Each structure stands twice: as C-alpha cells, then as structure tokens.
C-alpha cells in the first residue's frame, strides 16, 4: 500500500509524493535507532517534517502496527463527519 504523505516544492510548484509503508517504517526505525537526526532522515526519504513527527510519535507510543495498517476512512465516516460539522457549525 502507498499513501500520500509529503509535499515537495519544485520551482514554486507543490506536489504530493507517495511514501510506501515499507519506506515509512524503514525511516522511522532508522531514526528510532538514535544514530541519525530527524532532519537527516526526513531529507533522505523526502518526507515532510510534520508527517514524520507524527509517524515517530505513533511508533514510539504504539509500535509499528499502526504504521503498517493505518486506519481506513470509510464513506460513512466522511458523511457522518460532514453532518456533524453542519449540525455543530464546526470547521475542520
């Protein structure tokens, strides 16, 4: 499985890159081993800072399981979220 995770900039144009689950786990484990900095791993794999910080936090708290099998967002969930947003005058 491949999930969109990072934004790259080229000549002022931003586009999303896809980071495989295998690469995501490899990057997080490389950082978790403590021999490299967060920034060096991010740059090596082309991962956005915010995304990588989230992955590191998930890995530290829950292990690799959630990184290997991220939760799925269903159509029903999205529909319920929109309904809740409208009923509660909330912004997301």
N, C-alpha and C. Protein backbone atom coordinates (compact mmCIF):
# COMPACT_ATOMS: atom_id res chain seq x y z
N UNK A 1 0.83 -1.19 0.00
CA UNK A 1 0.00 0.00 0.00
C UNK A 1 0.87 1.25 0.00
N UNK A 2 0.41 2.24 -0.72
CA UNK A 2 1.13 3.52 -0.78
C UNK A 2 0.15 4.61 -0.40
N UNK A 3 0.59 5.52 0.46
CA UNK A 3 -0.26 6.59 0.95
C UNK A 3 0.40 7.94 0.67
N UNK A 4 -0.37 8.95 0.23
CA UNK A 4 0.23 10.27 0.04
C UNK A 4 0.63 10.82 1.40
N UNK A 5 1.88 11.30 1.51
CA UNK A 5 2.35 11.74 2.81
C UNK A 5 3.10 13.06 2.78
N UNK A 6 3.78 13.39 1.73
CA UNK A 6 4.67 14.53 1.78
C UNK A 6 4.41 15.51 0.65
N UNK A 7 4.75 16.74 0.91
CA UNK A 7 4.69 17.77 -0.11
C UNK A 7 6.10 18.13 -0.53
N UNK A 8 6.34 18.26 -1.81
CA UNK A 8 7.64 18.67 -2.33
C UNK A 8 7.42 19.96 -3.11
N UNK A 9 8.45 20.78 -3.16
CA UNK A 9 8.37 22.02 -3.91
C UNK A 9 9.43 22.01 -5.01
N UNK A 10 9.01 22.31 -6.21
CA UNK A 10 9.91 22.44 -7.33
C UNK A 10 9.53 23.70 -8.08
N UNK A 11 10.42 24.67 -8.08
CA UNK A 11 10.19 25.93 -8.77
C UNK A 11 8.86 26.56 -8.38
N UNK A 12 8.53 26.51 -7.11
CA UNK A 12 7.31 27.15 -6.62
C UNK A 12 6.06 26.32 -6.79
N UNK A 13 6.16 25.14 -7.39
CA UNK A 13 5.01 24.27 -7.56
C UNK A 13 5.10 23.15 -6.52
N UNK A 14 4.01 22.94 -5.79
CA UNK A 14 4.00 21.90 -4.78
C UNK A 14 3.27 20.68 -5.30
N UNK A 15 3.79 19.52 -5.00
CA UNK A 15 3.12 18.29 -5.37
C UNK A 15 3.31 17.28 -4.25
N UNK A 16 2.43 16.31 -4.20
CA UNK A 16 2.44 15.31 -3.15
C UNK A 16 3.21 14.08 -3.62
N UNK A 17 4.09 13.57 -2.76
CA UNK A 17 4.78 12.33 -3.07
C UNK A 17 4.10 11.20 -2.33
N UNK A 18 4.33 10.00 -2.79
CA UNK A 18 3.75 8.83 -2.13
C UNK A 18 4.87 8.08 -1.43
N UNK A 19 4.64 7.80 -0.17
CA UNK A 19 5.62 7.08 0.64
C UNK A 19 5.04 5.70 0.94
N UNK A 20 5.77 4.66 0.55
CA UNK A 20 5.28 3.30 0.81
C UNK A 20 5.34 3.00 2.30
N UNK A 21 4.55 2.05 2.72
CA UNK A 21 4.54 1.63 4.12
C UNK A 21 5.93 1.11 4.50
N UNK A 22 6.56 0.39 3.59
CA UNK A 22 7.89 -0.16 3.84
C UNK A 22 8.91 0.96 4.08
N UNK A 23 8.87 2.00 3.25
CA UNK A 23 9.78 3.13 3.39
C UNK A 23 9.48 3.91 4.66
N UNK A 24 8.20 4.09 4.95
CA UNK A 24 7.80 4.81 6.16
C UNK A 24 8.37 4.12 7.39
N UNK A 25 8.19 2.81 7.48
CA UNK A 25 8.68 2.06 8.63
C UNK A 25 10.21 2.08 8.69
N UNK A 26 10.85 1.95 7.55
CA UNK A 26 12.32 1.98 7.49
C UNK A 26 12.85 3.31 8.01
N UNK A 27 12.23 4.41 7.58
CA UNK A 27 12.66 5.74 8.01
C UNK A 27 12.48 5.93 9.51
N UNK A 28 11.33 5.53 10.02
CA UNK A 28 11.04 5.70 11.45
C UNK A 28 11.99 4.84 12.29
N UNK A 29 12.22 3.61 11.88
CA UNK A 29 13.12 2.74 12.63
C UNK A 29 14.56 3.24 12.57
N UNK A 30 14.95 3.79 11.43
CA UNK A 30 16.28 4.36 11.30
C UNK A 30 16.47 5.51 12.30
N UNK A 31 15.47 6.35 12.41
CA UNK A 31 15.53 7.45 13.36
C UNK A 31 15.48 6.93 14.80
N UNK A 32 14.63 5.95 15.06
CA UNK A 32 14.46 5.42 16.41
C UNK A 32 15.73 4.76 16.94
N UNK A 33 16.58 4.27 16.05
CA UNK A 33 17.84 3.66 16.48
C UNK A 33 18.79 4.68 17.10
N UNK A 34 18.54 5.97 16.87
CA UNK A 34 19.28 7.02 17.54
C UNK A 34 20.60 7.43 16.93
N UNK A 35 20.94 6.95 15.77
CA UNK A 35 22.22 7.29 15.15
C UNK A 35 22.14 8.46 14.19
N UNK A 36 20.93 8.92 13.89
CA UNK A 36 20.74 9.99 12.91
C UNK A 36 19.73 11.00 13.44
N UNK A 37 19.74 12.19 12.86
CA UNK A 37 18.79 13.22 13.27
C UNK A 37 17.48 13.07 12.51
N UNK A 38 16.45 13.64 13.08
CA UNK A 38 15.14 13.63 12.44
C UNK A 38 15.23 14.30 11.07
N UNK A 39 15.92 15.44 11.01
CA UNK A 39 16.03 16.18 9.74
C UNK A 39 16.77 15.37 8.68
N UNK A 40 17.84 14.68 9.07
CA UNK A 40 18.60 13.92 8.07
C UNK A 40 17.78 12.78 7.48
N UNK A 41 16.99 12.12 8.31
CA UNK A 41 16.14 11.03 7.82
C UNK A 41 15.05 11.60 6.91
N UNK A 42 14.43 12.70 7.32
CA UNK A 42 13.38 13.32 6.50
C UNK A 42 13.92 13.67 5.12
N UNK A 43 15.09 14.28 5.08
CA UNK A 43 15.66 14.69 3.79
C UNK A 43 16.05 13.49 2.95
N UNK A 44 16.57 12.47 3.59
CA UNK A 44 16.98 11.26 2.87
C UNK A 44 15.80 10.62 2.13
N UNK A 45 14.64 10.59 2.79
CA UNK A 45 13.47 9.92 2.20
C UNK A 45 12.46 10.89 1.59
N UNK A 46 12.71 12.20 1.70
CA UNK A 46 11.79 13.18 1.12
C UNK A 46 10.46 13.26 1.84
N UNK A 47 10.50 13.24 3.17
CA UNK A 47 9.28 13.22 3.97
C UNK A 47 9.07 14.59 4.62
N UNK A 48 7.84 15.06 4.61
CA UNK A 48 7.51 16.34 5.24
C UNK A 48 7.73 16.25 6.75
N UNK A 49 8.19 17.35 7.35
CA UNK A 49 8.52 17.37 8.78
C UNK A 49 7.33 16.97 9.65
N UNK A 50 6.18 17.56 9.42
CA UNK A 50 5.00 17.29 10.24
C UNK A 50 4.61 15.82 10.16
N UNK A 51 4.59 15.28 8.96
CA UNK A 51 4.22 13.87 8.78
C UNK A 51 5.19 12.96 9.53
N UNK A 52 6.48 13.23 9.39
CA UNK A 52 7.47 12.37 10.02
C UNK A 52 7.38 12.44 11.54
N UNK A 53 7.14 13.61 12.08
CA UNK A 53 6.98 13.75 13.52
C UNK A 53 5.79 12.93 14.03
N UNK A 54 4.71 12.94 13.26
CA UNK A 54 3.53 12.14 13.64
C UNK A 54 3.88 10.65 13.63
N UNK A 55 4.55 10.20 12.57
CA UNK A 55 4.91 8.78 12.47
C UNK A 55 5.81 8.36 13.63
N UNK A 56 6.79 9.20 13.96
CA UNK A 56 7.72 8.90 15.05
C UNK A 56 6.94 8.79 16.36
N UNK A 57 6.00 9.70 16.58
CA UNK A 57 5.18 9.66 17.79
C UNK A 57 4.32 8.41 17.87
N UNK A 58 3.72 8.04 16.75
CA UNK A 58 2.89 6.83 16.70
C UNK A 58 3.76 5.60 16.99
N UNK A 59 4.93 5.55 16.36
CA UNK A 59 5.84 4.42 16.56
C UNK A 59 6.29 4.33 18.01
N UNK A 60 6.62 5.47 18.61
CA UNK A 60 7.09 5.49 19.99
C UNK A 60 6.00 5.03 20.96
N UNK A 61 4.77 5.40 20.67
CA UNK A 61 3.68 5.09 21.60
C UNK A 61 3.04 3.73 21.36
N UNK A 62 2.87 3.37 20.08
CA UNK A 62 2.09 2.17 19.76
C UNK A 62 2.88 1.08 19.03
N UNK A 63 4.12 1.36 18.65
CA UNK A 63 4.89 0.38 17.89
C UNK A 63 4.62 0.50 16.40
N UNK A 64 5.04 -0.51 15.65
CA UNK A 64 4.93 -0.41 14.19
C UNK A 64 3.57 -0.80 13.64
N UNK A 65 2.71 -1.41 14.44
CA UNK A 65 1.40 -1.86 13.96
C UNK A 65 0.59 -0.80 13.23
N UNK A 66 0.35 0.36 13.85
CA UNK A 66 -0.45 1.39 13.17
C UNK A 66 0.22 1.95 11.91
N UNK A 67 1.54 1.88 11.83
CA UNK A 67 2.22 2.35 10.62
C UNK A 67 2.05 1.35 9.49
N UNK A 68 1.97 0.07 9.84
CA UNK A 68 1.80 -0.97 8.82
C UNK A 68 0.36 -1.07 8.35
N UNK A 69 -0.58 -0.82 9.24
CA UNK A 69 -2.00 -0.93 8.93
C UNK A 69 -2.74 0.32 9.39
N UNK A 70 -2.59 1.43 8.64
CA UNK A 70 -3.27 2.66 9.07
C UNK A 70 -4.79 2.49 9.02
N UNK A 71 -5.50 3.17 9.92
CA UNK A 71 -6.96 3.05 9.92
C UNK A 71 -7.55 3.55 8.60
N UNK A 72 -8.60 2.91 8.18
CA UNK A 72 -9.27 3.28 6.93
C UNK A 72 -10.40 4.27 7.22
N UNK A 73 -10.52 5.27 6.37
CA UNK A 73 -11.61 6.24 6.48
C UNK A 73 -12.67 5.83 5.47
N UNK A 74 -13.83 5.46 5.97
CA UNK A 74 -14.90 4.98 5.10
C UNK A 74 -15.77 6.14 4.62
N UNK A 75 -16.56 5.87 3.62
CA UNK A 75 -17.51 6.86 3.12
C UNK A 75 -18.53 7.24 4.18
N UNK A 76 -18.97 6.26 4.96
CA UNK A 76 -19.92 6.54 6.04
C UNK A 76 -19.31 7.48 7.08
N UNK A 77 -18.06 7.26 7.42
CA UNK A 77 -17.40 8.13 8.38
C UNK A 77 -17.36 9.57 7.85
N UNK A 78 -16.99 9.72 6.58
CA UNK A 78 -16.92 11.06 5.99
C UNK A 78 -18.29 11.73 5.99
N UNK A 79 -19.32 10.97 5.65
CA UNK A 79 -20.67 11.51 5.63
C UNK A 79 -21.10 11.94 7.03
N UNK A 80 -20.85 11.11 8.01
CA UNK A 80 -21.19 11.45 9.40
C UNK A 80 -20.41 12.66 9.88
N UNK A 81 -19.17 12.79 9.44
CA UNK A 81 -18.36 13.94 9.82
C UNK A 81 -18.94 15.23 9.25
N UNK A 82 -19.35 15.19 8.00
CA UNK A 82 -19.95 16.37 7.37
C UNK A 82 -21.26 16.74 8.06
N UNK A 83 -22.08 15.74 8.37
CA UNK A 83 -23.34 16.00 9.08
C UNK A 83 -23.07 16.62 10.45
N UNK A 84 -22.11 16.07 11.18
CA UNK A 84 -21.77 16.60 12.49
C UNK A 84 -21.27 18.04 12.37
N UNK A 85 -20.45 18.28 11.36
CA UNK A 85 -19.91 19.63 11.14
C UNK A 85 -21.04 20.62 10.91
N UNK A 86 -22.00 20.26 10.08
CA UNK A 86 -23.13 21.16 9.79
C UNK A 86 -24.00 21.37 11.02
N UNK A 87 -24.28 20.31 11.76
CA UNK A 87 -25.13 20.42 12.94
C UNK A 87 -24.49 21.24 14.05
N UNK A 88 -23.17 21.21 14.14
CA UNK A 88 -22.46 21.89 15.22
C UNK A 88 -21.77 23.18 14.77
N UNK A 89 -22.04 23.57 13.52
CA UNK A 89 -21.41 24.78 12.96
C UNK A 89 -19.91 24.78 13.21
N UNK A 90 -19.30 23.63 12.97
CA UNK A 90 -17.86 23.47 13.23
C UNK A 90 -17.08 23.56 11.93
N UNK A 91 -15.81 23.86 12.07
CA UNK A 91 -14.91 23.83 10.91
C UNK A 91 -13.89 22.74 11.14
N UNK A 92 -13.46 22.14 10.06
CA UNK A 92 -12.49 21.04 10.17
C UNK A 92 -11.29 21.38 9.33
